[in-house]
Amino acid sequence: MNRLTILFFLMIIAACNTSEKNASKSAEPSLIKKDSSKVIVEKPLKLTKNQANTLAELPLACIHTEYPNKLGQTIGGKEDLGEPKILHPAFYGCFDWHSAVHGHWSLVKLLKSFPELEKATEIKTKLTQSISKENIEAEIAYFNGKHSTSYERTYGWAWLLKLAEEIHTWKDPIAIDLEQNLQPLTDLIVQRYIDFLPKLKYPIRVGEHTNTAFGLSFALDYANTLKDEKLKNIIASRAKDFYSKDSDCPIGWEPSGYDFLSPCFEEVDLMRKVLDKASFDTWISDFMPQLKNHNFKIELGEVSDRSDGKLVHLDGLNFSRAWGLYGLASQYPEYEHLITVANQHVKYSLPNLVGDSYEGGHWLGSFAIYALDD
């Protein structure tokens, strides 16, 4: 391991030890009673400033790194061929378009949470370089190409709206220009959702990019924050169409070998946002009743080779499961026992991020940051 990896690993251990010491000093831990027994409820793990400084290095190292690159485009003719930076001048780095987008999201989120980051000036400079009026116009031209109507549907779309949402709520002078520059692409993606969702007859339930529940969940966050009622209503309607009658999610089948999203937990994460409490309680009792069990456990996603771009997906699965569990426990305190499970997932994968190969390093930081977001 290099020195940075060792330092980050020690930092994680110290943070965990400090959390345990603080918990032991409390006069009385938070308790849940079940069958006359007491279950200690852990606190969610949170990102520290030192960890934020370290994680910022991941997107800083890749958002303007053009190669290696996976374009994922449909070629209609030789005129469609081009260098990544020409085709996507705003989001050409971090191996692929969606990773570049959420790499930019990571930098905005970290600066919002920790304005005194060591490389705050460099981060703002790079954000301004990427999200310029001219660069976004070129991105729009690509999306409006004859063969690009389904480009990045819906994973990249979801992260673009998450980036737009983050910039919109950022109280920094540069956020005004960034939001204004990004707005035409944001509007285009919103319209793509509105046009596409009525046509989608069945949800996509895989554990990778095209997972429908994930795509709807992030877009719903944007719609709620920006008060976009049209987008909000169509997402809520389609989510209920797709998932209201689901029952007995086969969580025992997880994880699949390349998952970075959990089909079961992504659906839970969406439906807790769509349904009122009574409806959600009825739904979850049919869909995943085991989550109410205070002894609920689930196998972590174990990574056998972090230099393999597909196998390292399982670190992402651990982070995405964690944010789903944290979100559920935050919204409904009766699920606070699930914080322990979420913490276990984070503790397994977080120490491996820094010093990881580019296969994981170009994207996993975003998942860790989102999982540890307040």
Protein backbone atom coordinates (compact mmCIF):
# COMPACT_ATOMS: atom_id res chain seq x y z
CA MET A 1 0.00 0.00 0.00
CA ASN A 2 1.20 3.54 -0.67
CA ARG A 3 1.49 6.16 2.06
CA LEU A 4 -1.84 7.81 1.14
CA THR A 5 -3.67 4.48 1.37
CA ILE A 6 -2.16 3.75 4.81
CA LEU A 7 -3.01 7.25 6.06
CA PHE A 8 -6.62 6.98 4.90
CA PHE A 9 -6.99 3.52 6.44
CA LEU A 10 -5.67 4.76 9.80
CA MET A 11 -8.01 7.74 9.57
CA ILE A 12 -11.02 5.46 9.15
CA ILE A 13 -9.98 3.35 12.15
CA ALA A 14 -9.48 6.46 14.28
CA ALA A 15 -12.88 7.81 13.32
CA CYS A 16 -14.55 4.52 14.20
CA ASN A 17 -12.71 4.32 17.57
CA THR A 18 -13.66 7.90 18.40
CA SER A 19 -17.28 7.15 17.59
CA GLU A 20 -17.22 4.11 19.88
CA LYS A 21 -15.61 6.07 22.74
CA ASN A 22 -18.15 8.87 22.43
CA ALA A 23 -20.99 6.35 22.43
CA SER A 24 -19.67 4.73 25.60
CA LYS A 25 -19.62 8.11 27.37
CA SER A 26 -23.28 8.75 26.69
CA ALA A 27 -25.52 8.55 29.72
CA GLU A 28 -27.98 6.33 27.90
CA PRO A 29 -27.81 5.01 24.31
CA SER A 30 -30.80 5.16 22.04
CA LEU A 31 -32.82 1.99 22.60
CA ILE A 32 -35.42 -0.03 20.77
CA LYS A 33 -37.46 -2.54 22.73
CA LYS A 34 -38.37 -5.86 21.19
CA ASP A 35 -39.68 -8.80 23.16
CA SER A 36 -38.48 -7.17 26.40
CA SER A 37 -34.87 -7.04 25.10
CA LYS A 38 -32.85 -3.92 24.42
CA VAL A 39 -31.17 -3.26 21.10
CA ILE A 40 -28.50 -0.58 20.95
CA VAL A 41 -28.95 1.66 17.94
CA GLU A 42 -25.75 2.89 16.34
CA LYS A 43 -25.29 6.33 14.90
CA PRO A 44 -24.78 6.63 11.14
CA LEU A 45 -21.19 7.09 10.02
CA LYS A 46 -20.47 10.63 8.84
CA LEU A 47 -17.85 12.11 6.58
CA THR A 48 -15.08 14.05 8.34
CA LYS A 49 -13.16 16.98 6.92
CA ASN A 50 -9.99 14.89 6.64
CA GLN A 51 -11.86 12.20 4.75
CA ALA A 52 -13.44 14.87 2.53
CA ASN A 53 -10.02 16.24 1.64
CA THR A 54 -8.87 12.75 0.74
CA LEU A 55 -11.96 11.83 -1.26
CA ALA A 56 -11.77 15.10 -3.19
CA GLU A 57 -8.56 13.81 -4.75
CA LEU A 58 -10.48 11.12 -6.65
CA PRO A 59 -12.64 13.36 -8.87
CA LEU A 60 -9.89 15.98 -9.07
CA ALA A 61 -7.66 13.31 -10.57
CA CYS A 62 -10.14 12.23 -13.23
CA ILE A 63 -12.71 14.84 -14.31
CA HIS A 64 -10.22 16.25 -16.83
CA THR A 65 -8.48 12.94 -17.58
CA GLU A 66 -9.55 12.00 -21.09
CA TYR A 67 -8.18 8.47 -21.38
CA PRO A 68 -8.91 5.63 -20.90
CA ASN A 69 -12.46 6.35 -22.03
CA LYS A 70 -15.64 4.40 -22.72
CA LEU A 71 -17.84 6.54 -24.97
CA GLY A 72 -20.87 4.24 -25.12
CA GLN A 73 -22.14 5.93 -28.25
CA THR A 74 -24.06 4.70 -31.27
CA ILE A 75 -22.21 5.50 -34.48
CA GLY A 76 -24.41 6.63 -37.36
CA GLY A 77 -21.47 7.40 -39.63
CA LYS A 78 -17.86 8.51 -39.62
CA GLU A 79 -18.99 12.05 -38.86
CA ASP A 80 -20.01 10.82 -35.39
CA LEU A 81 -16.47 9.77 -34.51
CA GLY A 82 -14.47 12.13 -32.36
CA GLU A 83 -12.22 12.54 -29.36
CA PRO A 84 -14.04 12.40 -26.00
CA LYS A 85 -13.15 16.00 -25.22
CA ILE A 86 -14.65 17.16 -28.51
CA LEU A 87 -17.83 15.12 -28.18
CA HIS A 88 -18.32 15.93 -24.49
CA PRO A 89 -16.33 19.05 -23.55
CA ALA A 90 -18.06 19.36 -20.18
CA PHE A 91 -18.05 15.73 -19.08
CA TYR A 92 -15.31 13.85 -20.91
CA GLY A 93 -13.19 12.55 -18.01
CA CYS A 94 -13.46 9.79 -15.41
CA PHE A 95 -13.70 7.02 -18.04
CA ASP A 96 -17.32 7.64 -19.06
CA TRP A 97 -19.92 10.41 -19.24
CA HIS A 98 -21.96 9.53 -16.17
CA SER A 99 -18.88 9.11 -13.98
CA ALA A 100 -17.66 12.52 -15.10
CA VAL A 101 -21.03 13.99 -14.16
CA HIS A 102 -21.08 12.53 -10.69
CA GLY A 103 -17.41 13.36 -10.25
CA HIS A 104 -18.44 17.02 -10.65
CA TRP A 105 -21.33 16.39 -8.26
CA SER A 106 -18.83 15.06 -5.70
CA LEU A 107 -16.78 18.23 -5.81
CA VAL A 108 -19.84 20.44 -5.38
CA LYS A 109 -21.15 18.31 -2.51
CA LEU A 110 -17.78 18.28 -0.72
CA LEU A 111 -17.37 22.05 -1.02
CA LYS A 112 -20.91 22.61 0.24
CA SER A 113 -20.29 20.39 3.25
CA PHE A 114 -16.70 21.56 3.89
CA PRO A 115 -16.13 25.06 2.44
CA GLU A 116 -12.57 25.10 3.79
CA LEU A 117 -11.34 22.12 1.80
CA GLU A 118 -7.61 22.26 1.13
CA LYS A 119 -8.11 22.44 -2.64
CA ALA A 120 -11.25 24.59 -2.67
CA THR A 121 -9.76 27.08 -5.13
CA GLU A 122 -8.66 24.35 -7.54
CA ILE A 123 -12.06 22.70 -7.33
CA LYS A 124 -13.90 25.91 -8.16
CA THR A 125 -11.57 26.55 -11.08
CA LYS A 126 -12.19 23.11 -12.54
CA LEU A 127 -15.94 23.36 -12.08
CA THR A 128 -15.96 26.69 -13.88
CA GLN A 129 -13.85 25.28 -16.71
CA SER A 130 -16.14 22.29 -17.19
CA ILE A 131 -19.58 23.81 -16.80
CA SER A 132 -19.24 26.72 -19.19
CA LYS A 133 -21.99 27.98 -21.48
CA GLU A 134 -20.12 26.80 -24.58
CA ASN A 135 -19.37 23.33 -23.19
CA ILE A 136 -22.97 22.73 -22.21
CA GLU A 137 -24.16 23.85 -25.64
CA ALA A 138 -21.91 21.18 -27.16
CA GLU A 139 -23.30 18.56 -24.77
CA ILE A 140 -26.83 19.50 -25.84
CA ALA A 141 -25.88 19.18 -29.48
CA TYR A 142 -24.68 15.64 -28.80
CA PHE A 143 -27.88 14.69 -26.96
CA ASN A 144 -29.92 16.07 -29.84
CA GLY A 145 -28.12 13.87 -32.35
CA LYS A 146 -30.17 11.39 -34.34
CA HIS A 147 -28.68 8.38 -32.57
CA SER A 148 -28.44 9.84 -29.05
CA THR A 149 -32.06 10.01 -27.88
CA SER A 150 -31.48 7.19 -25.37
CA TYR A 151 -27.91 8.15 -24.47
CA GLU A 152 -27.26 7.64 -20.73
CA ARG A 153 -30.88 6.65 -20.05
CA THR A 154 -31.58 6.79 -17.14
CA TYR A 155 -28.42 6.48 -15.01
CA GLY A 156 -26.57 9.43 -16.49
CA TRP A 157 -29.80 11.40 -16.60
CA ALA A 158 -30.28 10.80 -12.88
CA TRP A 159 -26.78 11.98 -11.97
CA LEU A 160 -27.13 15.08 -14.15
CA LEU A 161 -30.25 16.05 -12.21
CA LYS A 162 -28.48 15.29 -8.93
CA LEU A 163 -25.67 17.65 -10.00
CA ALA A 164 -28.21 20.31 -10.96
CA GLU A 165 -29.98 19.92 -7.62
CA GLU A 166 -26.70 20.24 -5.73
CA ILE A 167 -25.68 23.39 -7.57
CA HIS A 168 -29.14 24.91 -7.09
CA THR A 169 -28.85 24.58 -3.29
CA TRP A 170 -25.20 25.72 -3.10
CA LYS A 171 -24.85 29.12 -1.46
CA ASP A 172 -21.68 30.15 -3.25
CA PRO A 173 -21.28 32.97 -5.78
CA ILE A 174 -20.05 30.67 -8.54
CA ALA A 175 -23.15 28.49 -8.21
CA ILE A 176 -25.26 31.16 -9.92
CA ASP A 177 -23.25 30.99 -13.14
CA LEU A 178 -22.87 27.21 -12.97
CA GLU A 179 -26.61 26.71 -12.63
CA GLN A 180 -27.36 29.15 -15.43
CA ASN A 181 -24.88 27.45 -17.75
CA LEU A 182 -26.13 23.96 -16.92
CA GLN A 183 -29.83 24.83 -17.07
CA PRO A 184 -30.43 24.10 -20.79
CA LEU A 185 -29.02 20.57 -20.38
CA THR A 186 -30.98 20.13 -17.16
CA ASP A 187 -34.17 21.12 -18.96
CA LEU A 188 -33.39 18.69 -21.77
CA ILE A 189 -32.93 15.80 -19.32
CA VAL A 190 -36.14 16.66 -17.48
CA GLN A 191 -37.99 16.55 -20.80
CA ARG A 192 -36.34 13.24 -21.67
CA TYR A 193 -37.79 11.77 -18.47
CA ILE A 194 -41.23 13.17 -19.20
CA ASP A 195 -41.18 11.81 -22.74
CA PHE A 196 -39.76 8.40 -21.84
CA LEU A 197 -41.59 7.33 -18.69
CA PRO A 198 -45.06 6.97 -20.26
CA LYS A 199 -43.53 4.60 -22.83
CA LEU A 200 -41.80 2.35 -20.29
CA LYS A 201 -44.26 -0.48 -19.80
CA TYR A 202 -42.16 -2.51 -17.36
CA PRO A 203 -39.47 -1.42 -14.89
CA ILE A 204 -35.88 -2.54 -15.31
CA ARG A 205 -34.81 -4.43 -12.19
CA VAL A 206 -31.10 -5.05 -12.72
CA GLY A 207 -28.31 -4.08 -10.33
CA GLU A 208 -26.47 -1.85 -12.78
CA HIS A 209 -26.95 1.42 -14.67
CA THR A 210 -30.39 0.93 -16.17
CA ASN A 211 -32.14 0.20 -12.86
CA THR A 212 -35.41 2.11 -13.07
CA ALA A 213 -35.91 2.66 -9.35
CA PHE A 214 -32.54 4.39 -9.04
CA GLY A 215 -33.21 6.58 -12.06
CA LEU A 216 -36.58 7.62 -10.65
CA SER A 217 -35.32 8.17 -7.10
CA PHE A 218 -32.64 10.73 -7.99
CA ALA A 219 -34.94 12.47 -10.47
CA LEU A 220 -37.63 12.69 -7.78
CA ASP A 221 -35.15 14.35 -5.42
CA TYR A 222 -34.52 16.98 -8.09
CA ALA A 223 -38.24 17.47 -8.72
CA ASN A 224 -38.95 17.90 -5.00
CA THR A 225 -36.11 20.36 -4.46
CA LEU A 226 -36.87 22.42 -7.58
CA LYS A 227 -40.63 22.10 -7.07
CA ASP A 228 -41.11 20.70 -10.56
CA GLU A 229 -44.62 19.36 -10.12
CA LYS A 230 -44.93 17.90 -13.61
CA LEU A 231 -41.80 15.77 -13.21
CA LYS A 232 -42.69 14.88 -9.63
CA ASN A 233 -46.17 13.70 -10.54
CA ILE A 234 -45.12 11.53 -13.45
CA ILE A 235 -42.38 9.88 -11.37
CA ALA A 236 -44.74 9.20 -8.47
CA SER A 237 -47.39 7.83 -10.82
CA ARG A 238 -45.01 5.53 -12.69
CA ALA A 239 -43.33 4.34 -9.47
CA LYS A 240 -46.70 3.24 -8.16
CA ASP A 241 -47.55 1.60 -11.48
CA PHE A 242 -44.28 -0.31 -11.49
CA TYR A 243 -43.89 -1.32 -7.87
CA SER A 244 -47.09 -1.03 -5.80
CA LYS A 245 -48.03 -4.68 -6.21
CA ASP A 246 -44.53 -6.09 -5.69
CA SER A 247 -44.06 -8.61 -2.91
CA ASP A 248 -41.39 -10.93 -1.51
CA CYS A 249 -38.35 -9.28 -3.08
CA PRO A 250 -35.77 -12.07 -3.58
CA ILE A 251 -33.08 -10.45 -1.44
CA GLY A 252 -31.47 -13.88 -1.05
CA TRP A 253 -30.44 -13.68 -4.70
CA GLU A 254 -28.28 -10.65 -3.96
CA PRO A 255 -25.63 -9.76 -4.63
CA SER A 256 -25.17 -10.64 -8.27
CA GLY A 257 -21.61 -10.63 -9.51
CA TYR A 258 -21.55 -7.15 -11.07
CA ASP A 259 -24.14 -5.30 -8.96
CA PHE A 260 -23.46 -1.80 -7.75
CA LEU A 261 -27.14 -1.21 -7.04
CA SER A 262 -29.46 -3.48 -5.08
CA PRO A 263 -32.71 -4.10 -6.98
CA CYS A 264 -34.54 -4.63 -3.67
CA PHE A 265 -33.11 -1.70 -1.72
CA GLU A 266 -33.34 0.75 -4.63
CA GLU A 267 -37.03 -0.01 -4.83
CA VAL A 268 -37.41 0.54 -1.08
CA ASP A 269 -35.51 3.81 -1.35
CA LEU A 270 -37.87 5.05 -4.04
CA MET A 271 -41.13 3.91 -2.50
CA ARG A 272 -40.40 5.46 0.90
CA LYS A 273 -40.26 8.79 -0.95
CA VAL A 274 -43.42 8.18 -2.97
CA LEU A 275 -45.82 6.64 -0.45
CA ASP A 276 -47.25 8.12 2.74
CA LYS A 277 -46.36 6.37 5.99
CA ALA A 278 -49.43 4.15 6.21
CA SER A 279 -49.18 3.08 2.59
CA PHE A 280 -45.47 2.46 2.87
CA ASP A 281 -45.92 0.34 5.98
CA THR A 282 -48.44 -1.85 4.16
CA TRP A 283 -46.24 -2.06 1.09
CA ILE A 284 -43.00 -2.93 2.93
CA SER A 285 -44.83 -5.61 4.91
CA ASP A 286 -45.43 -7.39 1.61
CA PHE A 287 -42.19 -6.47 -0.14
CA MET A 288 -39.47 -6.86 2.51
CA PRO A 289 -41.04 -7.64 5.90
CA GLN A 290 -37.66 -8.89 7.18
CA LEU A 291 -36.46 -5.28 7.43
CA LYS A 292 -38.66 -4.90 10.49
CA ASN A 293 -36.72 -7.64 12.26
CA HIS A 294 -34.26 -6.04 14.69
CA ASN A 295 -31.83 -8.88 13.98
CA PHE A 296 -31.86 -8.33 10.22
CA LYS A 297 -28.55 -9.14 8.55
CA ILE A 298 -27.40 -9.41 4.95
CA GLU A 299 -24.21 -10.57 3.30
CA LEU A 300 -21.86 -7.78 2.25
CA GLY A 301 -20.72 -7.46 -1.34
CA GLU A 302 -17.22 -8.94 -1.22
CA VAL A 303 -14.74 -7.77 -3.85
CA SER A 304 -12.21 -10.35 -5.03
CA ASP A 305 -10.24 -8.12 -7.43
CA ARG A 306 -10.40 -4.32 -7.30
CA SER A 307 -8.42 -4.00 -10.52
CA ASP A 308 -11.36 -5.56 -12.40
CA GLY A 309 -13.77 -2.83 -13.47
CA LYS A 310 -16.80 -5.09 -13.11
CA LEU A 311 -15.92 -6.97 -9.94
CA VAL A 312 -15.22 -3.72 -8.08
CA HIS A 313 -18.87 -2.82 -8.65
CA LEU A 314 -19.60 -4.63 -5.39
CA ASP A 315 -17.96 -1.82 -3.39
CA GLY A 316 -20.55 0.43 -5.00
CA LEU A 317 -23.26 -2.00 -3.97
CA ASN A 318 -22.19 -1.66 -0.35
CA PHE A 319 -22.37 2.12 -0.51
CA SER A 320 -25.72 2.20 -2.32
CA ARG A 321 -27.22 -0.27 0.13
CA ALA A 322 -25.94 1.93 2.94
CA TRP A 323 -27.59 5.08 1.61
CA GLY A 324 -30.86 3.19 1.21
CA LEU A 325 -30.73 1.89 4.77
CA TYR A 326 -29.66 5.23 6.22
CA GLY A 327 -32.47 6.97 4.35
CA LEU A 328 -35.10 4.55 5.60
CA ALA A 329 -33.88 4.79 9.20
CA SER A 330 -33.79 8.59 8.99
CA GLN A 331 -37.33 8.85 7.68
CA TYR A 332 -38.85 6.21 9.96
CA PRO A 333 -37.21 5.69 13.39
CA GLU A 334 -38.66 2.20 13.74
CA TYR A 335 -36.00 1.13 11.24
CA GLU A 336 -33.07 2.60 13.19
CA HIS A 337 -31.73 -0.90 13.83
CA LEU A 338 -30.76 -0.97 10.16
CA ILE A 339 -28.09 1.70 10.78
CA THR A 340 -25.82 -1.04 12.09
CA VAL A 341 -26.15 -2.94 8.82
CA ALA A 342 -25.47 0.23 6.83
CA ASN A 343 -22.39 1.01 8.92
CA GLN A 344 -21.04 -2.48 8.29
CA HIS A 345 -21.32 -1.96 4.55
CA VAL A 346 -19.50 1.37 4.68
CA LYS A 347 -16.73 0.11 6.95
CA TYR A 348 -15.97 -2.71 4.55
CA SER A 349 -15.61 -0.62 1.41
CA LEU A 350 -14.54 2.86 2.53
CA PRO A 351 -10.91 2.03 3.46
CA ASN A 352 -10.33 0.63 -0.02
CA LEU A 353 -11.10 3.77 -2.03
CA VAL A 354 -7.84 5.67 -1.82
CA GLY A 355 -5.05 3.82 -3.55
CA ASP A 356 -7.64 1.80 -5.45
CA SER A 357 -7.04 1.23 -9.15
CA TYR A 358 -8.64 3.56 -11.69
CA GLU A 359 -11.35 0.95 -12.32
CA GLY A 360 -12.92 1.86 -8.99
CA GLY A 361 -11.26 5.17 -8.23
CA HIS A 362 -12.91 7.02 -11.10
CA TRP A 363 -16.42 6.62 -9.65
CA LEU A 364 -16.63 5.03 -6.21
CA GLY A 365 -15.85 8.22 -4.31
CA SER A 366 -19.22 9.63 -5.37
CA PHE A 367 -21.02 6.62 -3.94
CA ALA A 368 -19.16 6.90 -0.64
CA ILE A 369 -19.88 10.64 -0.38
CA TYR A 370 -23.57 10.15 -1.10
CA ALA A 371 -23.81 7.29 1.42
CA LEU A 372 -22.25 9.45 4.15
CA ASP A 373 -24.29 12.56 3.35
CA ASP A 374 -26.33 14.02 6.21
